[in-house]
Structure formats: C-alpha cells, structure tokens
C-alpha cells in the first residue's frame, strides 16, 4: 500500500491523497531482443475497485488532479522501493498538470530524475492546452520524455503527437493484435513506423501477446515492445 503522509504537499491535497487505497505494479517494456528492459510502466491498482472505476469516480467528483498527483508520487515511491534502475513510465491525464508547488515538492522529495522519467499521455478524458504547455516546460527543464499512449484510439492521434515534444509513440493493441497474418494492419502499421521514424521518434508495440506477433514486429522495425508474451505486470 502506498502512503502519502510524509510528502511535502499542502494539507488539502494530502487529505485527498489519504483517502486513496492504492498500490502499483510495473510492466516491463523491452528492446527488440525481447530480454533487455528499457523501462517499466507504473500501473495503479486500487484496493477496493478497478482502476477505470476509480478514474470514473474521480472524474465525476472533479478530482482527477488528485489521481494525477497520486500517480507520480506513488509510482516513484514504489519504483524506488523496488530498486529499479531503468526508465519509469508514469501515466498522465492530458487534462491535468502539477502546480508549481507540486513540481518543487516532487523535486525535493525524489531529487534528480537523471533522465529516467517518461510521462505517458493517456487517451482520455480531454486535452487541456494549459496542461500541454506545462508538460512541455517541465520535460525540457527536467530531462523527461513524453510518450503518447494508445495511439490510434481515443483522442491520441497525429495532432496530439505534434502538440508535445514527443519521444515515444505507443501503438494501440487494436493495431497490433494478429498483425502477423492481417495484411491490412501490416500496411497501416508500416506507414506509421516509417512516419514516426522519419520524425526521429521511437515506436512501441503495445499488447504483444503472441510469439508470431513479436517476431513480425521486430522485422517491421519496431523499437520497443510491451505485452504479456514478454512480461506481465508485477
């Protein structure tokens, strides 16, 4: 269980965080050899409901910002406690961003990220221009990367990639499933990989669940891979 009591945050946000009962698991992201871990994605695991139910609850309450803060501070606590050395992906709502005091508190508590942090922009609920700009500034100052999650679903499309100083684009499972034997998907994905590589971006395949999918994606020049075939959250 993650506790937030000793964080250098103001009383109101600490009280809101104290109501959460959550933990984190980490799913590895691999390089093309299928063995070398490039990063680990922090996945929130509420104790008394699933994560989508929690997000829906806090959306209705107008408290998504609480989950944004909980994700970054909680995921980093769990990451450090486990002694990981690779990069860490932390999910972020496109509508939310840290306040200036929260930015200072994060830096004070966790120190220099040393280029290990990746902010992974989710595909919901909506995009805030203020949040986009705040993240652009934060990433440039702190040597953080931006990854666009679930490209091809929700609101995450080429326009979103161009809004940020994007480093990684994660292609959604819908584009990846069965790609080894579905020509229509192969053509679409080939075009996307060529486009993103021409922009100097890394392309990640999400939801790789079959050996045949992985082998095809390696040949298709994907850079990074994530899915149950290679490693489950733990």
Foldseek 3Di string as FASTA:
>chain_A
DFQDVPFPDDPVLNVVLRVFAKAWWWFFKDFLVLPHTQEIEIDIQGDPDGPVVVCVVCVVVVNVQSVQLCQVVRSLVVCVVVPDDHAYETEHEQDDDDDPVSVVRSCVVRNQPVLRYEYEYEQDDDHDLVSLVRVQVVCVVRNYAYEYPQEPDHNHYPVVCVSHVHAEYEHHPVLQPPCLPDVVSVVVVLVVVVVQVVVVHAYEYEAPDDPSSSVVVVVSVHGMYTHVNSTDID
